[in-house]
Amino acid sequence: MNTTATQNIDHAVQMAYEHTSLLKDQFVNMDFITQYTGLTDKWFYKQIQEGEFPRPVKFGRSSRWLKSEVERWVQVRIDKARAR
């Protein structure tokens, strides 16, 4: 198999994985995020403006975040705190 065909297959597998994993994920709102972290919505919106927290996915006027992205963001902060 040539390199281009292999790359196309690899890309197709990656896209299928991303699609499947997205189906297993869920969208959460700011209420969930503030309850999960104990931090305020105002603080999070400031972090979004500064590029320090994932931007929301907009559904009309509603803002939602992928739960996996929120969990990953928290885990990175835990890992940084433990690395000191």
Protein backbone atom coordinates (compact mmCIF):
# COMPACT_ATOMS: atom_id res chain seq x y z
CA MET A 1 0.00 0.00 0.00
CA ASN A 2 1.39 3.42 -0.87
CA THR A 3 1.97 6.20 1.64
CA THR A 4 -0.99 8.31 0.46
CA ALA A 5 -3.41 5.41 0.83
CA THR A 6 -2.05 4.65 4.30
CA GLN A 7 -2.42 8.30 5.32
CA ASN A 8 -6.00 8.35 4.02
CA ILE A 9 -6.85 5.24 6.04
CA ASP A 10 -5.18 6.68 9.14
CA HIS A 11 -7.16 9.89 8.71
CA ALA A 12 -10.43 7.96 8.26
CA VAL A 13 -9.75 5.92 11.40
CA GLN A 14 -8.97 9.09 13.38
CA MET A 15 -12.14 10.78 12.14
CA ALA A 16 -14.22 7.72 13.07
CA TYR A 17 -12.64 7.68 16.54
CA GLU A 18 -13.35 11.38 17.07
CA HIS A 19 -16.95 10.94 15.94
CA THR A 20 -17.46 7.93 18.19
CA SER A 21 -15.89 9.59 21.21
CA LEU A 22 -18.04 12.68 20.68
CA LEU A 23 -21.14 10.51 20.82
CA LYS A 24 -19.99 9.26 24.22
CA ASP A 25 -19.35 12.80 25.50
CA GLN A 26 -21.98 15.23 26.74
CA PHE A 27 -22.52 18.96 26.74
CA VAL A 28 -22.60 20.74 30.09
CA ASN A 29 -23.65 24.26 31.03
CA MET A 30 -21.99 26.85 33.24
CA ASP A 31 -24.04 25.72 36.26
CA PHE A 32 -22.41 22.29 35.98
CA ILE A 33 -18.94 23.82 35.64
CA THR A 34 -19.33 26.10 38.67
CA GLN A 35 -20.70 23.25 40.79
CA TYR A 36 -17.94 20.91 39.63
CA THR A 37 -15.14 23.37 40.40
CA GLY A 38 -16.55 25.62 43.12
CA LEU A 39 -15.49 28.67 41.08
CA THR A 40 -17.76 31.46 39.83
CA ASP A 41 -19.13 31.93 36.34
CA LYS A 42 -17.63 35.42 36.26
CA TRP A 43 -14.17 33.94 36.85
CA PHE A 44 -14.67 31.41 34.05
CA TYR A 45 -15.85 34.01 31.54
CA LYS A 46 -12.72 36.03 32.31
CA GLN A 47 -10.62 32.90 31.72
CA ILE A 48 -12.38 32.38 28.38
CA GLN A 49 -11.59 35.96 27.32
CA GLU A 50 -7.95 35.41 28.26
CA GLY A 51 -7.82 32.12 26.33
CA GLU A 52 -7.25 30.08 29.49
CA PHE A 53 -10.50 28.06 29.38
CA PRO A 54 -12.21 26.42 26.39
CA ARG A 55 -14.58 28.60 24.43
CA PRO A 56 -18.21 27.46 24.54
CA VAL A 57 -20.16 25.85 21.75
CA LYS A 58 -23.15 28.06 21.05
CA PHE A 59 -26.62 26.61 20.50
CA GLY A 60 -28.65 29.71 19.76
CA ARG A 61 -28.21 31.86 22.85
CA SER A 62 -27.12 28.93 25.02
CA SER A 63 -23.47 28.20 25.77
CA ARG A 64 -22.32 24.63 26.36
CA TRP A 65 -18.96 22.93 26.87
CA LEU A 66 -17.90 19.37 26.25
CA LYS A 67 -17.63 17.65 29.61
CA SER A 68 -14.40 15.96 28.48
CA GLU A 69 -12.81 19.37 27.77
CA VAL A 70 -13.78 20.68 31.21
CA GLU A 71 -12.41 17.53 32.86
CA ARG A 72 -9.19 17.78 30.83
CA TRP A 73 -8.80 21.46 31.83
CA VAL A 74 -9.19 20.54 35.52
CA GLN A 75 -6.76 17.63 35.19
CA VAL A 76 -4.09 19.86 33.63
CA ARG A 77 -4.39 22.27 36.54
CA ILE A 78 -4.11 19.38 39.02
CA ASP A 79 -1.05 18.02 37.19
CA LYS A 80 0.62 21.46 37.24
CA ALA A 81 -0.06 21.86 40.96
CA ARG A 82 1.36 18.40 41.73
CA ALA A 83 4.49 18.96 39.61
CA ARG A 84 5.84 21.65 41.93
